Amino acid sequence: MQNTSIQLSDVIYNPAEQTFEALVTVTRDGKSRKYPCAISAPITMSFEQAAKGLRTQAERRDDRGTGMYSERVRRAAKQRAGRPSFDPRRWLESLIALPGNRAA
C-alpha cells in the first residue's frame, strides 16, 4: 500500500508563457521527489483548477518515473575513528629527498 501526499510550493502565473508554474513535492512511503511543473492556462483559471492540474502532472511524472526531479537521499553520517596524526617531516620526505634520508 502506498501512502501518497502532494504539496505545491511557490505557485505562480507566468504571463509571458501563459502558464501556472509550481514546484510540486510528491511523497510516497517516506520517499520525496520534487518536480517542476507547468500547465498552460489563462490567468482567469481558478487557483483550485490550476492546483489540480499541477498535482495531476506531478503524479503522472512520479508514476511513470519520467521527467526531471530532485530527490534527497537521507543517509546517516559515517562514524570516524578519529583524526590521523599529521607528521610534517614524513609528509615532506614523501615529496622531496631530504638530507639524511636513506631513500635518496
PDB file of N, CA and C in Angstrom:
ATOM      1  N   MET A   1       0.842  -1.184   0.000  1.00  0.00           N
ATOM      2  CA  MET A   1       0.000   0.000   0.000  1.00  0.00           C
ATOM      3  C   MET A   1       0.883   1.242   0.000  1.00  0.00           C
ATOM      4  N   GLN A   2       0.538   2.181  -0.847  1.00  0.00           N
ATOM      5  CA  GLN A   2       1.328   3.394  -0.951  1.00  0.00           C
ATOM      6  C   GLN A   2       0.608   4.554  -0.284  1.00  0.00           C
ATOM      7  N   ASN A   3       1.326   5.233   0.602  1.00  0.00           N
ATOM      8  CA  ASN A   3       0.813   6.455   1.211  1.00  0.00           C
ATOM      9  C   ASN A   3       1.397   7.612   0.421  1.00  0.00           C
ATOM     10  N   THR A   4       0.526   8.401  -0.198  1.00  0.00           N
ATOM     11  CA  THR A   4       0.983   9.491  -1.054  1.00  0.00           C
ATOM     12  C   THR A   4       0.482  10.825  -0.535  1.00  0.00           C
ATOM     13  N   SER A   5       1.403  11.797  -0.488  1.00  0.00           N
ATOM     14  CA  SER A   5       1.000  13.164  -0.186  1.00  0.00           C
ATOM     15  C   SER A   5       1.636  14.064  -1.235  1.00  0.00           C
ATOM     16  N   ILE A   6       0.925  15.131  -1.588  1.00  0.00           N
ATOM     17  CA  ILE A   6       1.388  16.058  -2.612  1.00  0.00           C
ATOM     18  C   ILE A   6       1.315  17.465  -2.052  1.00  0.00           C
ATOM     19  N   GLN A   7       2.422  18.202  -2.218  1.00  0.00           N
ATOM     20  CA  GLN A   7       2.488  19.570  -1.717  1.00  0.00           C
ATOM     21  C   GLN A   7       2.960  20.490  -2.833  1.00  0.00           C
ATOM     22  N   LEU A   8       2.224  21.582  -3.027  1.00  0.00           N
ATOM     23  CA  LEU A   8       2.588  22.584  -4.021  1.00  0.00           C
ATOM     24  C   LEU A   8       3.313  23.734  -3.330  1.00  0.00           C
ATOM     25  N   SER A   9       4.420  24.174  -3.938  1.00  0.00           N
ATOM     26  CA  SER A   9       5.191  25.289  -3.393  1.00  0.00           C
ATOM     27  C   SER A   9       5.354  26.365  -4.456  1.00  0.00           C
ATOM     28  N   ASP A  10       5.240  27.602  -4.032  1.00  0.00           N
ATOM     29  CA  ASP A  10       5.507  28.749  -4.912  1.00  0.00           C
ATOM     30  C   ASP A  10       4.716  28.699  -6.220  1.00  0.00           C
ATOM     31  N   VAL A  11       3.420  28.581  -6.122  1.00  0.00           N
ATOM     32  CA  VAL A  11       2.593  28.592  -7.332  1.00  0.00           C
ATOM     33  C   VAL A  11       2.544  30.026  -7.862  1.00  0.00           C
ATOM     34  N   ILE A  12       2.930  30.170  -9.133  1.00  0.00           N
ATOM     35  CA  ILE A  12       2.918  31.499  -9.761  1.00  0.00           C
ATOM     36  C   ILE A  12       2.262  31.405 -11.132  1.00  0.00           C
ATOM     37  N   TYR A  13       1.859  32.565 -11.639  1.00  0.00           N
ATOM     38  CA  TYR A  13       1.381  32.636 -13.020  1.00  0.00           C
ATOM     39  C   TYR A  13       2.446  33.363 -13.816  1.00  0.00           C
ATOM     40  N   ASN A  14       2.894  32.741 -14.914  1.00  0.00           N
ATOM     41  CA  ASN A  14       3.901  33.317 -15.788  1.00  0.00           C
ATOM     42  C   ASN A  14       3.175  33.921 -16.990  1.00  0.00           C
ATOM     43  N   PRO A  15       3.002  35.244 -17.023  1.00  0.00           N
ATOM     44  CA  PRO A  15       2.241  35.855 -18.116  1.00  0.00           C
ATOM     45  C   PRO A  15       2.945  35.759 -19.475  1.00  0.00           C
ATOM     46  N   ALA A  16       4.271  35.701 -19.488  1.00  0.00           N
ATOM     47  CA  ALA A  16       4.994  35.598 -20.756  1.00  0.00           C
ATOM     48  C   ALA A  16       4.714  34.265 -21.443  1.00  0.00           C
ATOM     49  N   GLU A  17       4.614  33.201 -20.655  1.00  0.00           N
ATOM     50  CA  GLU A  17       4.351  31.863 -21.198  1.00  0.00           C
ATOM     51  C   GLU A  17       2.879  31.469 -21.085  1.00  0.00           C
ATOM     52  N   GLN A  18       2.106  32.247 -20.358  1.00  0.00           N
ATOM     53  CA  GLN A  18       0.700  31.954 -20.058  1.00  0.00           C
ATOM     54  C   GLN A  18       0.541  30.568 -19.424  1.00  0.00           C
ATOM     55  N   THR A  19       1.329  30.379 -18.340  1.00  0.00           N
ATOM     56  CA  THR A  19       1.302  29.108 -17.622  1.00  0.00           C
ATOM     57  C   THR A  19       1.268  29.330 -16.114  1.00  0.00           C
ATOM     58  N   PHE A  20       0.660  28.390 -15.426  1.00  0.00           N
ATOM     59  CA  PHE A  20       0.786  28.308 -13.973  1.00  0.00           C
ATOM     60  C   PHE A  20       1.969  27.392 -13.709  1.00  0.00           C
ATOM     61  N   GLU A  21       2.848  27.788 -12.792  1.00  0.00           N
ATOM     62  CA  GLU A  21       4.055  27.020 -12.507  1.00  0.00           C
ATOM     63  C   GLU A  21       4.189  26.802 -11.010  1.00  0.00           C
ATOM     64  N   ALA A  22       4.772  25.663 -10.653  1.00  0.00           N
ATOM     65  CA  ALA A  22       4.982  25.362  -9.225  1.00  0.00           C
ATOM     66  C   ALA A  22       6.030  24.274  -9.076  1.00  0.00           C
ATOM     67  N   LEU A  23       6.604  24.220  -7.891  1.00  0.00           N
ATOM     68  CA  LEU A  23       7.457  23.108  -7.505  1.00  0.00           C
ATOM     69  C   LEU A  23       6.561  22.185  -6.682  1.00  0.00           C
ATOM     70  N   VAL A  24       6.372  20.973  -7.164  1.00  0.00           N
ATOM     71  CA  VAL A  24       5.442  20.034  -6.537  1.00  0.00           C
ATOM     72  C   VAL A  24       6.228  18.891  -5.900  1.00  0.00           C
ATOM     73  N   THR A  25       5.984  18.671  -4.605  1.00  0.00           N
ATOM     74  CA  THR A  25       6.655  17.590  -3.881  1.00  0.00           C
ATOM     75  C   THR A  25       5.692  16.419  -3.732  1.00  0.00           C
ATOM     76  N   VAL A  26       6.114  15.257  -4.240  1.00  0.00           N
ATOM     77  CA  VAL A  26       5.321  14.034  -4.120  1.00  0.00           C
ATOM     78  C   VAL A  26       6.051  13.127  -3.141  1.00  0.00           C
ATOM     79  N   THR A  27       5.364  12.735  -2.068  1.00  0.00           N
ATOM     80  CA  THR A  27       5.958  11.853  -1.067  1.00  0.00           C
ATOM     81  C   THR A  27       5.183  10.548  -1.056  1.00  0.00           C
ATOM     82  N   ARG A  28       5.905   9.462  -1.317  1.00  0.00           N
ATOM     83  CA  ARG A  28       5.307   8.123  -1.293  1.00  0.00           C
ATOM     84  C   ARG A  28       6.139   7.240  -0.390  1.00  0.00           C
ATOM     85  N   ASP A  29       5.506   6.678   0.592  1.00  0.00           N
ATOM     86  CA  ASP A  29       6.155   5.761   1.530  1.00  0.00           C
ATOM     87  C   ASP A  29       7.480   6.316   2.058  1.00  0.00           C
ATOM     88  N   GLY A  30       7.470   7.578   2.436  1.00  0.00           N
ATOM     89  CA  GLY A  30       8.634   8.204   3.034  1.00  0.00           C
ATOM     90  C   GLY A  30       9.678   8.707   2.055  1.00  0.00           C
ATOM     91  N   LYS A  31       9.478   8.519   0.768  1.00  0.00           N
ATOM     92  CA  LYS A  31      10.441   8.958  -0.251  1.00  0.00           C
ATOM     93  C   LYS A  31       9.862  10.172  -0.980  1.00  0.00           C
ATOM     94  N   SER A  32      10.585  11.304  -0.921  1.00  0.00           N
ATOM     95  CA  SER A  32      10.102  12.553  -1.524  1.00  0.00           C
ATOM     96  C   SER A  32      10.848  12.867  -2.804  1.00  0.00           C
ATOM     97  N   ARG A  33      10.094  13.321  -3.799  1.00  0.00           N
ATOM     98  CA  ARG A  33      10.650  13.799  -5.059  1.00  0.00           C
ATOM     99  C   ARG A  33       9.981  15.120  -5.391  1.00  0.00           C
ATOM    100  N   LYS A  34      10.787  16.059  -5.912  1.00  0.00           N
ATOM    101  CA  LYS A  34      10.270  17.378  -6.278  1.00  0.00           C
ATOM    102  C   LYS A  34      10.297  17.523  -7.787  1.00  0.00           C
ATOM    103  N   TYR A  35       9.165  17.957  -8.344  1.00  0.00           N
ATOM    104  CA  TYR A  35       9.015  18.116  -9.780  1.00  0.00           C
ATOM    105  C   TYR A  35       8.684  19.571 -10.114  1.00  0.00           C
ATOM    106  N   PRO A  36       9.394  20.174 -11.086  1.00  0.00           N
ATOM    107  CA  PRO A  36       8.979  21.490 -11.571  1.00  0.00           C
ATOM    108  C   PRO A  36       7.843  21.262 -12.567  1.00  0.00           C
ATOM    109  N   CYS A  37       6.685  21.810 -12.291  1.00  0.00           N
ATOM    110  CA  CYS A  37       5.511  21.586 -13.144  1.00  0.00           C
ATOM    111  C   CYS A  37       4.984  22.898 -13.698  1.00  0.00           C
ATOM    112  N   ALA A  38       4.365  22.808 -14.874  1.00  0.00           N
ATOM    113  CA  ALA A  38       3.743  23.976 -15.501  1.00  0.00           C
ATOM    114  C   ALA A  38       2.578  23.495 -16.350  1.00  0.00           C
ATOM    115  N   ILE A  39       1.476  24.237 -16.286  1.00  0.00           N
ATOM    116  CA  ILE A  39       0.331  23.938 -17.149  1.00  0.00           C
ATOM    117  C   ILE A  39      -0.071  25.206 -17.895  1.00  0.00           C
ATOM    118  N   SER A  40      -0.381  25.036 -19.170  1.00  0.00           N
ATOM    119  CA  SER A  40      -0.849  26.168 -19.971  1.00  0.00           C
ATOM    120  C   SER A  40      -2.284  26.476 -19.588  1.00  0.00           C
ATOM    121  N   ALA A  41      -2.535  27.739 -19.255  1.00  0.00           N
ATOM    122  CA  ALA A  41      -3.886  28.128 -18.835  1.00  0.00           C
ATOM    123  C   ALA A  41      -3.997  29.650 -18.847  1.00  0.00           C
ATOM    124  N   PRO A  42      -5.209  30.145 -19.055  1.00  0.00           N
ATOM    125  CA  PRO A  42      -5.392  31.596 -18.979  1.00  0.00           C
ATOM    126  C   PRO A  42      -5.329  32.060 -17.523  1.00  0.00           C
ATOM    127  N   ILE A  43      -5.053  33.324 -17.341  1.00  0.00           N
ATOM    128  CA  ILE A  43      -4.949  33.882 -15.986  1.00  0.00           C
ATOM    129  C   ILE A  43      -6.298  33.846 -15.256  1.00  0.00           C
ATOM    130  N   THR A  44      -7.360  33.684 -16.003  1.00  0.00           N
ATOM    131  CA  THR A  44      -8.699  33.642 -15.397  1.00  0.00           C
ATOM    132  C   THR A  44      -9.031  32.292 -14.769  1.00  0.00           C
ATOM    133  N   MET A  45      -8.180  31.289 -14.977  1.00  0.00           N
ATOM    134  CA  MET A  45      -8.429  29.977 -14.373  1.00  0.00           C
ATOM    135  C   MET A  45      -8.358  30.106 -12.855  1.00  0.00           C
ATOM    136  N   SER A  46      -9.235  29.408 -12.151  1.00  0.00           N
ATOM    137  CA  SER A  46      -9.228  29.468 -10.683  1.00  0.00           C
ATOM    138  C   SER A  46      -7.990  28.764 -10.132  1.00  0.00           C
ATOM    139  N   PHE A  47      -7.595  29.180  -8.938  1.00  0.00           N
ATOM    140  CA  PHE A  47      -6.433  28.574  -8.296  1.00  0.00           C
ATOM    141  C   PHE A  47      -6.659  27.082  -8.066  1.00  0.00           C
ATOM    142  N   GLU A  48      -7.858  26.697  -7.695  1.00  0.00           N
ATOM    143  CA  GLU A  48      -8.166  25.289  -7.428  1.00  0.00           C
ATOM    144  C   GLU A  48      -7.971  24.439  -8.680  1.00  0.00           C
ATOM    145  N   GLN A  49      -8.410  24.944  -9.839  1.00  0.00           N
ATOM    146  CA  GLN A  49      -8.247  24.207 -11.088  1.00  0.00           C
ATOM    147  C   GLN A  49      -6.767  24.107 -11.469  1.00  0.00           C
ATOM    148  N   ALA A  50      -6.047  25.199 -11.306  1.00  0.00           N
ATOM    149  CA  ALA A  50      -4.618  25.190 -11.623  1.00  0.00           C
ATOM    150  C   ALA A  50      -3.878  24.219 -10.705  1.00  0.00           C
ATOM    151  N   ALA A  51      -4.190  24.249  -9.417  1.00  0.00           N
ATOM    152  CA  ALA A  51      -3.548  23.347  -8.458  1.00  0.00           C
ATOM    153  C   ALA A  51      -3.832  21.892  -8.808  1.00  0.00           C
ATOM    154  N   LYS A  52      -5.053  21.603  -9.213  1.00  0.00           N
ATOM    155  CA  LYS A  52      -5.414  20.236  -9.595  1.00  0.00           C
ATOM    156  C   LYS A  52      -4.592  19.790 -10.809  1.00  0.00           C
ATOM    157  N   GLY A  53      -4.439  20.662 -11.798  1.00  0.00           N
ATOM    158  CA  GLY A  53      -3.650  20.335 -12.981  1.00  0.00           C
ATOM    159  C   GLY A  53      -2.182  20.110 -12.655  1.00  0.00           C
ATOM    160  N   LEU A  54      -1.630  20.940 -11.775  1.00  0.00           N
ATOM    161  CA  LEU A  54      -0.232  20.785 -11.371  1.00  0.00           C
ATOM    162  C   LEU A  54      -0.023  19.490 -10.590  1.00  0.00           C
ATOM    163  N   ARG A  55      -0.971  19.163  -9.702  1.00  0.00           N
ATOM    164  CA  ARG A  55      -0.894  17.910  -8.943  1.00  0.00           C
ATOM    165  C   ARG A  55      -0.938  16.702  -9.877  1.00  0.00           C
ATOM    166  N   THR A  56      -1.873  16.747 -10.834  1.00  0.00           N
ATOM    167  CA  THR A  56      -2.029  15.644 -11.783  1.00  0.00           C
ATOM    168  C   THR A  56      -0.752  15.439 -12.588  1.00  0.00           C
ATOM    169  N   GLN A  57      -0.143  16.542 -13.040  1.00  0.00           N
ATOM    170  CA  GLN A  57       1.093  16.438 -13.816  1.00  0.00           C
ATOM    171  C   GLN A  57       2.206  15.796 -12.981  1.00  0.00           C
ATOM    172  N   ALA A  58       2.352  16.219 -11.736  1.00  0.00           N
ATOM    173  CA  ALA A  58       3.386  15.653 -10.867  1.00  0.00           C
ATOM    174  C   ALA A  58       3.135  14.173 -10.574  1.00  0.00           C
ATOM    175  N   GLU A  59       1.874  13.808 -10.340  1.00  0.00           N
ATOM    176  CA  GLU A  59       1.532  12.400 -10.091  1.00  0.00           C
ATOM    177  C   GLU A  59       1.876  11.529 -11.290  1.00  0.00           C
ATOM    178  N   ARG A  60       1.559  12.017 -12.479  1.00  0.00           N
ATOM    179  CA  ARG A  60       1.863  11.247 -13.695  1.00  0.00           C
ATOM    180  C   ARG A  60       3.361  11.067 -13.868  1.00  0.00           C
ATOM    181  N   ARG A  61       4.115  12.125 -13.648  1.00  0.00           N
ATOM    182  CA  ARG A  61       5.575  12.021 -13.764  1.00  0.00           C
ATOM    183  C   ARG A  61       6.129  11.034 -12.741  1.00  0.00           C
ATOM    184  N   ASP A  62       5.589  11.078 -11.541  1.00  0.00           N
ATOM    185  CA  ASP A  62       6.068  10.183 -10.490  1.00  0.00           C
ATOM    186  C   ASP A  62       5.688   8.735 -10.797  1.00  0.00           C
ATOM    187  N   ASP A  63       4.482   8.510 -11.287  1.00  0.00           N
ATOM    188  CA  ASP A  63       4.039   7.158 -11.627  1.00  0.00           C
ATOM    189  C   ASP A  63       4.897   6.557 -12.737  1.00  0.00           C
ATOM    190  N   ARG A  64       5.222   7.378 -13.739  1.00  0.00           N
ATOM    191  CA  ARG A  64       5.997   6.898 -14.885  1.00  0.00           C
ATOM    192  C   ARG A  64       7.494   6.877 -14.607  1.00  0.00           C
ATOM    193  N   GLY A  65       7.909   7.642 -13.614  1.00  0.00           N
ATOM    194  CA  GLY A  65       9.334   7.742 -13.337  1.00  0.00           C
ATOM    195  C   GLY A  65      10.073   8.522 -14.408  1.00  0.00           C
ATOM    196  N   THR A  66       9.375   9.454 -15.051  1.00  0.00           N
ATOM    197  CA  THR A  66       9.979  10.234 -16.126  1.00  0.00           C
ATOM    198  C   THR A  66      10.086  11.695 -15.719  1.00  0.00           C
ATOM    199  N   GLY A  67      10.816  12.423 -16.503  1.00  0.00           N
ATOM    200  CA  GLY A  67      10.930  13.850 -16.274  1.00  0.00           C
ATOM    201  C   GLY A  67      11.997  14.178 -15.250  1.00  0.00           C
ATOM    202  N   MET A  68      12.295  15.455 -15.174  1.00  0.00           N
ATOM    203  CA  MET A  68      13.311  15.925 -14.234  1.00  0.00           C
ATOM    204  C   MET A  68      12.713  16.025 -12.837  1.00  0.00           C
ATOM    205  N   TYR A  69      13.456  15.536 -11.863  1.00  0.00           N
ATOM    206  CA  TYR A  69      13.020  15.669 -10.479  1.00  0.00           C
ATOM    207  C   TYR A  69      14.234  15.776  -9.576  1.00  0.00           C
ATOM    208  N   SER A  70      13.985  16.213  -8.377  1.00  0.00           N
ATOM    209  CA  SER A  70      15.035  16.338  -7.371  1.00  0.00           C
ATOM    210  C   SER A  70      14.688  15.398  -6.232  1.00  0.00           C
ATOM    211  N   GLU A  71      15.711  14.729  -5.721  1.00  0.00           N
ATOM    212  CA  GLU A  71      15.482  13.775  -4.646  1.00  0.00           C
ATOM    213  C   GLU A  71      16.634  13.869  -3.663  1.00  0.00           C
ATOM    214  N   ARG A  72      16.329  13.929  -2.409  1.00  0.00           N
ATOM    215  CA  ARG A  72      17.368  13.974  -1.375  1.00  0.00           C
ATOM    216  C   ARG A  72      17.422  12.625  -0.695  1.00  0.00           C
ATOM    217  N   VAL A  73      18.586  12.005  -0.781  1.00  0.00           N
ATOM    218  CA  VAL A  73      18.773  10.707  -0.151  1.00  0.00           C
ATOM    219  C   VAL A  73      19.289  10.942   1.261  1.00  0.00           C
ATOM    220  N   ARG A  74      18.580  10.408   2.211  1.00  0.00           N
ATOM    221  CA  ARG A  74      18.976  10.590   3.605  1.00  0.00           C
ATOM    222  C   ARG A  74      19.857   9.414   4.031  1.00  0.00           C
ATOM    223  N   ARG A  75      21.059   9.764   4.449  1.00  0.00           N
ATOM    224  CA  ARG A  75      21.999   8.748   4.916  1.00  0.00           C
ATOM    225  C   ARG A  75      22.580   9.192   6.244  1.00  0.00           C
ATOM    226  N   ALA A  76      22.799   8.236   7.092  1.00  0.00           N
ATOM    227  CA  ALA A  76      23.435   8.546   8.366  1.00  0.00           C
ATOM    228  C   ALA A  76      24.914   8.801   8.111  1.00  0.00           C
ATOM    229  N   ALA A  77      25.461   9.762   8.801  1.00  0.00           N
ATOM    230  CA  ALA A  77      26.878  10.070   8.650  1.00  0.00           C
ATOM    231  C   ALA A  77      27.713   8.897   9.157  1.00  0.00           C
ATOM    232  N   LYS A  78      28.787   8.612   8.426  1.00  0.00           N
ATOM    233  CA  LYS A  78      29.667   7.525   8.843  1.00  0.00           C
ATOM    234  C   LYS A  78      30.481   7.974  10.054  1.00  0.00           C
ATOM    235  N   GLN A  79      30.646   7.078  10.969  1.00  0.00           N
ATOM    236  CA  GLN A  79      31.414   7.386  12.164  1.00  0.00           C
ATOM    237  C   GLN A  79      32.902   7.347  11.824  1.00  0.00           C
ATOM    238  N   ARG A  80      33.601   8.340  12.293  1.00  0.00           N
ATOM    239  CA  ARG A  80      35.036   8.413  12.043  1.00  0.00           C
ATOM    240  C   ARG A  80      35.793   7.940  13.269  1.00  0.00           C
ATOM    241  N   ALA A  81      36.882   7.254  13.024  1.00  0.00           N
ATOM    242  CA  ALA A  81      37.682   6.712  14.124  1.00  0.00           C
ATOM    243  C   ALA A  81      38.490   7.792  14.814  1.00  0.00           C
ATOM    244  N   GLY A  82      38.596   8.918  14.236  1.00  0.00           N
ATOM    245  CA  GLY A  82      39.394   9.985  14.810  1.00  0.00           C
ATOM    246  C   GLY A  82      40.299  10.571  13.742  1.00  0.00           C
ATOM    247  N   ARG A  83      40.878  11.656  14.047  1.00  0.00           N
ATOM    248  CA  ARG A  83      41.729  12.331  13.089  1.00  0.00           C
ATOM    249  C   ARG A  83      43.133  11.720  13.123  1.00  0.00           C
ATOM    250  N   PRO A  84      43.658  11.333  11.970  1.00  0.00           N
ATOM    251  CA  PRO A  84      45.004  10.765  11.974  1.00  0.00           C
ATOM    252  C   PRO A  84      46.028  11.843  12.325  1.00  0.00           C
ATOM    253  N   SER A  85      47.096  11.424  12.979  1.00  0.00           N
ATOM    254  CA  SER A  85      48.130  12.393  13.352  1.00  0.00           C
ATOM    255  C   SER A  85      48.881  12.828  12.090  1.00  0.00           C
ATOM    256  N   PHE A  86      49.290  14.073  12.076  1.00  0.00           N
ATOM    257  CA  PHE A  86      49.992  14.625  10.931  1.00  0.00           C
ATOM    258  C   PHE A  86      51.457  14.794  11.292  1.00  0.00           C
ATOM    259  N   ASP A  87      52.313  14.165  10.522  1.00  0.00           N
ATOM    260  CA  ASP A  87      53.757  14.263  10.724  1.00  0.00           C
ATOM    261  C   ASP A  87      54.330  15.064   9.559  1.00  0.00           C
ATOM    262  N   PRO A  88      54.687  16.343   9.779  1.00  0.00           N
ATOM    263  CA  PRO A  88      55.152  17.163   8.674  1.00  0.00           C
ATOM    264  C   PRO A  88      56.449  16.645   8.046  1.00  0.00           C
ATOM    265  N   ARG A  89      57.345  16.083   8.853  1.00  0.00           N
ATOM    266  CA  ARG A  89      58.594  15.556   8.301  1.00  0.00           C
ATOM    267  C   ARG A  89      58.322  14.399   7.340  1.00  0.00           C
ATOM    268  N   ARG A  90      57.455  13.484   7.721  1.00  0.00           N
ATOM    269  CA  ARG A  90      57.132  12.348   6.853  1.00  0.00           C
ATOM    270  C   ARG A  90      56.453  12.833   5.574  1.00  0.00           C
ATOM    271  N   TRP A  91      55.620  13.836   5.715  1.00  0.00           N
ATOM    272  CA  TRP A  91      54.948  14.399   4.540  1.00  0.00           C
ATOM    273  C   TRP A  91      55.971  15.009   3.589  1.00  0.00           C
ATOM    274  N   LEU A  92      56.910  15.805   4.154  1.00  0.00           N
ATOM    275  CA  LEU A  92      57.944  16.410   3.308  1.00  0.00           C
ATOM    276  C   LEU A  92      58.842  15.350   2.669  1.00  0.00           C
ATOM    277  N   GLU A  93      59.183  14.314   3.424  1.00  0.00           N
ATOM    278  CA  GLU A  93      60.026  13.244   2.880  1.00  0.00           C
ATOM    279  C   GLU A  93      59.335  12.533   1.725  1.00  0.00           C
ATOM    280  N   SER A  94      58.025  12.472   1.780  1.00  0.00           N
ATOM    281  CA  SER A  94      57.312  11.841   0.666  1.00  0.00           C
ATOM    282  C   SER A  94      57.335  12.711  -0.582  1.00  0.00           C
ATOM    283  N   LEU A  95      57.598  14.022  -0.406  1.00  0.00           N
ATOM    284  CA  LEU A  95      57.624  14.933  -1.550  1.00  0.00           C
ATOM    285  C   LEU A  95      59.026  15.133  -2.123  1.00  0.00           C
ATOM    286  N   ILE A  96      60.004  15.265  -1.244  1.00  0.00           N
ATOM    287  CA  ILE A  96      61.375  15.531  -1.690  1.00  0.00           C
ATOM    288  C   ILE A  96      62.346  14.686  -0.893  1.00  0.00           C
ATOM    289  N   ALA A  97      63.541  14.562  -1.420  1.00  0.00           N
ATOM    290  CA  ALA A  97      64.576  13.820  -0.697  1.00  0.00           C
ATOM    291  C   ALA A  97      65.301  14.790   0.210  1.00  0.00           C
ATOM    292  N   LEU A  98      65.136  14.634   1.512  1.00  0.00           N
ATOM    293  CA  LEU A  98      65.811  15.491   2.486  1.00  0.00           C
ATOM    294  C   LEU A  98      67.191  14.934   2.806  1.00  0.00           C
ATOM    295  N   PRO A  99      68.123  15.818   3.217  1.00  0.00           N
ATOM    296  CA  PRO A  99      69.446  15.322   3.618  1.00  0.00           C
ATOM    297  C   PRO A  99      69.309  14.314   4.762  1.00  0.00           C
ATOM    298  N   GLY A 100      70.018  13.250   4.678  1.00  0.00           N
ATOM    299  CA  GLY A 100      69.955  12.210   5.714  1.00  0.00           C
ATOM    300  C   GLY A 100      68.847  11.208   5.448  1.00  0.00           C
ATOM    301  N   ASN A 101      68.094  11.382   4.393  1.00  0.00           N
ATOM    302  CA  ASN A 101      67.029  10.440   4.051  1.00  0.00           C
ATOM    303  C   ASN A 101      67.654   9.281   3.270  1.00  0.00           C
ATOM    304  N   ARG A 102      67.468   8.081   3.724  1.00  0.00           N
ATOM    305  CA  ARG A 102      68.083   6.906   3.111  1.00  0.00           C
ATOM    306  C   ARG A 102      67.526   6.613   1.715  1.00  0.00           C
ATOM    307  N   ALA A 103      66.300   7.043   1.459  1.00  0.00           N
ATOM    308  CA  ALA A 103      65.670   6.750   0.177  1.00  0.00           C
ATOM    309  C   ALA A 103      66.329   7.545  -0.952  1.00  0.00           C
ATOM    310  N   ALA A 104      67.076   8.599  -0.634  1.00  0.00           N
ATOM    311  CA  ALA A 104      67.664   9.451  -1.665  1.00  0.00           C
ATOM    312  C   ALA A 104      68.830   8.827  -2.362  1.00  0.00           C
TER     313      ALA A 104
END
